[in-house]
Amino acid sequence: MTSFDRLTSAAELEAILALDAVCFHRPWTRADYERELQDSGRCFLYVVRVDGAIVGYCSFWRVFDEIHLNNFAIHPSRRSQGLGRALLAHVLGEATAFG
């Protein structure tokens, strides 16, 4: 089962940090993500879960009537399955709801 959730607590940051480690040359630090989570009116972090496990995420900022995508990652073993496209569609739907 696939689901999309907004991450609002640092409790699951290990999964995000693990994704960053396999997806990026210069991943964000735990402190970077903790700072983002503290600014919940501007900063958003959505995850895609498959059978409960976080396999991808998208972080973005809400800036007036726009969003600015910061990071977007899907675990290499889960790519080419439509998860990235589905996550982006979900994020854009949430952004549209903001107005």
N, C-alpha and C. Protein backbone atom coordinates (compact mmCIF):
# COMPACT_ATOMS: atom_id res chain seq x y z
N MET A 1 0.83 -1.18 0.00
CA MET A 1 0.00 0.00 0.00
C MET A 1 0.88 1.25 0.00
N THR A 2 0.52 2.23 -0.81
CA THR A 2 1.26 3.48 -0.92
C THR A 2 0.47 4.59 -0.26
N SER A 3 1.16 5.43 0.53
CA SER A 3 0.51 6.57 1.16
C SER A 3 1.43 7.78 1.14
N PHE A 4 0.84 8.94 1.29
CA PHE A 4 1.57 10.21 1.31
C PHE A 4 1.21 10.93 2.59
N ASP A 5 2.22 11.39 3.32
CA ASP A 5 1.99 12.06 4.59
C ASP A 5 2.92 13.25 4.73
N ARG A 6 2.45 14.26 5.45
CA ARG A 6 3.34 15.36 5.81
C ARG A 6 4.09 14.96 7.08
N LEU A 7 5.39 15.05 7.02
CA LEU A 7 6.23 14.76 8.18
C LEU A 7 6.29 16.02 9.04
N THR A 8 5.91 15.91 10.30
CA THR A 8 5.87 17.08 11.18
C THR A 8 6.74 16.91 12.43
N SER A 9 7.37 15.76 12.56
CA SER A 9 8.19 15.52 13.74
C SER A 9 9.53 14.94 13.32
N ALA A 10 10.52 15.17 14.15
CA ALA A 10 11.87 14.69 13.85
C ALA A 10 12.02 13.18 14.08
N ALA A 11 10.98 12.54 14.56
CA ALA A 11 11.06 11.12 14.91
C ALA A 11 11.45 10.24 13.72
N GLU A 12 11.08 10.62 12.52
CA GLU A 12 11.37 9.78 11.35
C GLU A 12 12.46 10.35 10.45
N LEU A 13 13.24 11.26 10.98
CA LEU A 13 14.30 11.86 10.16
C LEU A 13 15.38 10.88 9.74
N GLU A 14 15.58 9.81 10.49
CA GLU A 14 16.60 8.84 10.10
C GLU A 14 16.33 8.28 8.70
N ALA A 15 15.07 8.05 8.38
CA ALA A 15 14.72 7.54 7.06
C ALA A 15 15.05 8.57 5.98
N ILE A 16 14.80 9.84 6.27
CA ILE A 16 15.10 10.91 5.31
C ILE A 16 16.61 11.03 5.13
N LEU A 17 17.35 10.99 6.23
CA LEU A 17 18.82 11.09 6.16
C LEU A 17 19.41 9.90 5.39
N ALA A 18 18.84 8.73 5.58
CA ALA A 18 19.31 7.54 4.84
C ALA A 18 19.04 7.70 3.35
N LEU A 19 17.89 8.23 2.99
CA LEU A 19 17.60 8.49 1.58
C LEU A 19 18.58 9.50 0.99
N ASP A 20 18.81 10.57 1.72
CA ASP A 20 19.76 11.58 1.26
C ASP A 20 21.14 10.98 1.02
N ALA A 21 21.56 10.10 1.90
CA ALA A 21 22.90 9.51 1.79
C ALA A 21 23.06 8.71 0.49
N VAL A 22 22.00 8.06 0.03
CA VAL A 22 22.12 7.26 -1.20
C VAL A 22 21.74 8.06 -2.44
N CYS A 23 21.12 9.23 -2.27
CA CYS A 23 20.64 9.98 -3.43
C CYS A 23 21.46 11.22 -3.77
N PHE A 24 22.19 11.78 -2.81
CA PHE A 24 22.85 13.06 -3.04
C PHE A 24 24.33 13.03 -2.64
N HIS A 25 25.12 13.83 -3.36
CA HIS A 25 26.54 13.97 -3.02
C HIS A 25 26.73 14.79 -1.75
N ARG A 26 25.93 15.82 -1.59
CA ARG A 26 26.04 16.67 -0.41
C ARG A 26 24.68 16.76 0.27
N PRO A 27 24.34 15.73 1.04
CA PRO A 27 23.02 15.70 1.68
C PRO A 27 22.88 16.74 2.77
N TRP A 28 21.64 17.09 3.04
CA TRP A 28 21.35 17.97 4.16
C TRP A 28 21.68 17.26 5.46
N THR A 29 21.89 18.03 6.49
CA THR A 29 22.18 17.48 7.81
C THR A 29 20.88 17.35 8.61
N ARG A 30 20.97 16.63 9.71
CA ARG A 30 19.82 16.52 10.62
C ARG A 30 19.39 17.91 11.08
N ALA A 31 20.36 18.77 11.38
CA ALA A 31 20.04 20.13 11.84
C ALA A 31 19.29 20.91 10.77
N ASP A 32 19.64 20.71 9.50
CA ASP A 32 18.91 21.37 8.41
C ASP A 32 17.44 20.97 8.44
N TYR A 33 17.18 19.68 8.54
CA TYR A 33 15.80 19.20 8.55
C TYR A 33 15.06 19.60 9.83
N GLU A 34 15.73 19.58 10.95
CA GLU A 34 15.09 20.00 12.19
C GLU A 34 14.67 21.47 12.12
N ARG A 35 15.52 22.29 11.51
CA ARG A 35 15.20 23.70 11.33
C ARG A 35 13.95 23.84 10.43
N GLU A 36 13.90 23.05 9.39
CA GLU A 36 12.74 23.08 8.49
C GLU A 36 11.46 22.70 9.24
N LEU A 37 11.52 21.65 10.04
CA LEU A 37 10.34 21.18 10.76
C LEU A 37 9.84 22.21 11.77
N GLN A 38 10.73 23.03 12.29
CA GLN A 38 10.34 24.04 13.27
C GLN A 38 9.59 25.20 12.63
N ASP A 39 9.75 25.38 11.32
CA ASP A 39 9.09 26.47 10.61
C ASP A 39 7.93 25.91 9.78
N SER A 40 6.94 25.34 10.47
CA SER A 40 5.89 24.56 9.81
C SER A 40 4.93 25.40 8.96
N GLY A 41 4.93 26.70 9.10
CA GLY A 41 4.08 27.54 8.26
C GLY A 41 4.67 27.80 6.89
N ARG A 42 5.96 27.66 6.77
CA ARG A 42 6.65 27.93 5.50
C ARG A 42 7.28 26.68 4.91
N CYS A 43 7.75 25.79 5.76
CA CYS A 43 8.50 24.62 5.30
C CYS A 43 7.64 23.36 5.39
N PHE A 44 7.68 22.56 4.35
CA PHE A 44 6.86 21.37 4.26
C PHE A 44 7.72 20.19 3.81
N LEU A 45 7.45 19.04 4.39
CA LEU A 45 8.18 17.82 4.05
C LEU A 45 7.15 16.70 3.94
N TYR A 46 6.93 16.24 2.72
CA TYR A 46 5.99 15.15 2.46
C TYR A 46 6.77 13.89 2.13
N VAL A 47 6.30 12.78 2.65
CA VAL A 47 6.95 11.49 2.38
C VAL A 47 5.99 10.58 1.64
N VAL A 48 6.56 9.66 0.88
CA VAL A 48 5.79 8.59 0.26
C VAL A 48 6.21 7.31 0.97
N ARG A 49 5.22 6.55 1.39
CA ARG A 49 5.45 5.30 2.10
C ARG A 49 4.92 4.14 1.26
N VAL A 50 5.66 3.07 1.25
CA VAL A 50 5.19 1.82 0.65
C VAL A 50 5.22 0.79 1.76
N ASP A 51 4.07 0.23 2.05
CA ASP A 51 3.91 -0.72 3.15
C ASP A 51 4.50 -0.18 4.45
N GLY A 52 4.29 1.11 4.69
CA GLY A 52 4.71 1.75 5.93
C GLY A 52 6.13 2.29 5.93
N ALA A 53 6.97 1.89 4.98
CA ALA A 53 8.37 2.35 4.95
C ALA A 53 8.49 3.59 4.07
N ILE A 54 9.24 4.59 4.56
CA ILE A 54 9.48 5.79 3.77
C ILE A 54 10.45 5.45 2.65
N VAL A 55 10.01 5.66 1.41
CA VAL A 55 10.85 5.35 0.25
C VAL A 55 11.14 6.60 -0.59
N GLY A 56 10.56 7.72 -0.20
CA GLY A 56 10.82 8.96 -0.93
C GLY A 56 10.27 10.14 -0.17
N TYR A 57 10.68 11.33 -0.60
CA TYR A 57 10.19 12.54 0.05
C TYR A 57 10.36 13.74 -0.87
N CYS A 58 9.63 14.78 -0.54
CA CYS A 58 9.75 16.07 -1.21
C CYS A 58 9.70 17.14 -0.13
N SER A 59 10.67 18.03 -0.14
CA SER A 59 10.62 19.16 0.79
C SER A 59 10.47 20.44 -0.03
N PHE A 60 9.64 21.35 0.48
CA PHE A 60 9.45 22.61 -0.22
C PHE A 60 9.10 23.71 0.75
N TRP A 61 9.27 24.93 0.28
CA TRP A 61 8.88 26.11 1.03
C TRP A 61 7.65 26.73 0.36
N ARG A 62 6.76 27.21 1.18
CA ARG A 62 5.65 28.02 0.69
C ARG A 62 6.10 29.48 0.78
N VAL A 63 6.16 30.14 -0.36
CA VAL A 63 6.60 31.53 -0.43
C VAL A 63 5.48 32.32 -1.11
N PHE A 64 4.73 33.05 -0.32
CA PHE A 64 3.55 33.78 -0.79
C PHE A 64 2.62 32.84 -1.54
N ASP A 65 2.45 33.02 -2.84
CA ASP A 65 1.53 32.18 -3.60
C ASP A 65 2.28 31.18 -4.49
N GLU A 66 3.49 30.82 -4.10
CA GLU A 66 4.31 29.87 -4.86
C GLU A 66 4.88 28.83 -3.90
N ILE A 67 5.38 27.74 -4.48
CA ILE A 67 6.18 26.82 -3.69
C ILE A 67 7.56 26.73 -4.32
N HIS A 68 8.55 26.51 -3.51
CA HIS A 68 9.93 26.35 -3.95
C HIS A 68 10.37 24.96 -3.53
N LEU A 69 10.57 24.06 -4.50
CA LEU A 69 11.03 22.71 -4.18
C LEU A 69 12.49 22.75 -3.76
N ASN A 70 12.79 22.17 -2.61
CA ASN A 70 14.16 22.14 -2.10
C ASN A 70 14.84 20.81 -2.41
N ASN A 71 14.22 19.74 -2.02
CA ASN A 71 14.77 18.40 -2.23
C ASN A 71 13.66 17.46 -2.66
N PHE A 72 14.03 16.50 -3.48
CA PHE A 72 13.09 15.50 -3.96
C PHE A 72 13.89 14.23 -4.17
N ALA A 73 13.49 13.17 -3.51
CA ALA A 73 14.25 11.92 -3.61
C ALA A 73 13.34 10.72 -3.55
N ILE A 74 13.68 9.73 -4.36
CA ILE A 74 13.05 8.42 -4.32
C ILE A 74 14.19 7.42 -4.21
N HIS A 75 14.07 6.46 -3.32
CA HIS A 75 15.13 5.47 -3.14
C HIS A 75 15.44 4.81 -4.49
N PRO A 76 16.72 4.63 -4.82
CA PRO A 76 17.08 4.03 -6.11
C PRO A 76 16.37 2.71 -6.43
N SER A 77 16.12 1.90 -5.43
CA SER A 77 15.46 0.61 -5.68
C SER A 77 13.97 0.76 -5.97
N ARG A 78 13.42 1.96 -5.75
CA ARG A 78 11.99 2.21 -5.96
C ARG A 78 11.72 3.13 -7.14
N ARG A 79 12.76 3.49 -7.88
CA ARG A 79 12.58 4.38 -9.03
C ARG A 79 11.94 3.62 -10.19
N SER A 80 11.39 4.37 -11.12
CA SER A 80 10.72 3.84 -12.31
C SER A 80 9.46 3.04 -11.98
N GLN A 81 8.85 3.35 -10.85
CA GLN A 81 7.61 2.70 -10.46
C GLN A 81 6.45 3.70 -10.36
N GLY A 82 6.71 4.95 -10.75
CA GLY A 82 5.68 5.98 -10.70
C GLY A 82 5.55 6.68 -9.36
N LEU A 83 6.40 6.32 -8.40
CA LEU A 83 6.29 6.92 -7.06
C LEU A 83 6.65 8.40 -7.06
N GLY A 84 7.67 8.76 -7.81
CA GLY A 84 8.06 10.17 -7.89
C GLY A 84 6.97 11.02 -8.51
N ARG A 85 6.41 10.53 -9.59
CA ARG A 85 5.32 11.25 -10.26
C ARG A 85 4.11 11.39 -9.32
N ALA A 86 3.79 10.32 -8.62
CA ALA A 86 2.65 10.35 -7.69
C ALA A 86 2.92 11.30 -6.52
N LEU A 87 4.14 11.29 -6.00
CA LEU A 87 4.49 12.20 -4.91
C LEU A 87 4.41 13.64 -5.37
N LEU A 88 4.94 13.94 -6.54
CA LEU A 88 4.89 15.30 -7.05
C LEU A 88 3.43 15.74 -7.27
N ALA A 89 2.61 14.87 -7.80
CA ALA A 89 1.19 15.20 -8.00
C ALA A 89 0.52 15.49 -6.65
N HIS A 90 0.85 14.70 -5.64
CA HIS A 90 0.29 14.92 -4.30
C HIS A 90 0.73 16.28 -3.76
N VAL A 91 2.02 16.57 -3.86
CA VAL A 91 2.57 17.84 -3.36
C VAL A 91 1.92 19.02 -4.09
N LEU A 92 1.78 18.92 -5.41
CA LEU A 92 1.17 20.01 -6.15
C LEU A 92 -0.30 20.17 -5.78
N GLY A 93 -0.98 19.07 -5.48
CA GLY A 93 -2.35 19.15 -5.00
C GLY A 93 -2.45 19.86 -3.66
N GLU A 94 -1.52 19.55 -2.76
CA GLU A 94 -1.49 20.22 -1.46
C GLU A 94 -1.21 21.71 -1.65
N ALA A 95 -0.27 22.02 -2.52
CA ALA A 95 0.08 23.43 -2.78
C ALA A 95 -1.10 24.19 -3.36
N THR A 96 -1.84 23.55 -4.25
CA THR A 96 -3.02 24.18 -4.82
C THR A 96 -4.06 24.49 -3.75
N ALA A 97 -4.17 23.60 -2.79
CA ALA A 97 -5.12 23.80 -1.69
C ALA A 97 -4.73 25.03 -0.85
N PHE A 98 -3.44 25.38 -0.83
CA PHE A 98 -3.00 26.58 -0.09
C PHE A 98 -3.51 27.85 -0.76
N GLY A 99 -3.77 27.76 -2.08
CA GLY A 99 -4.21 28.92 -2.84
C GLY A 99 -3.07 29.50 -3.60
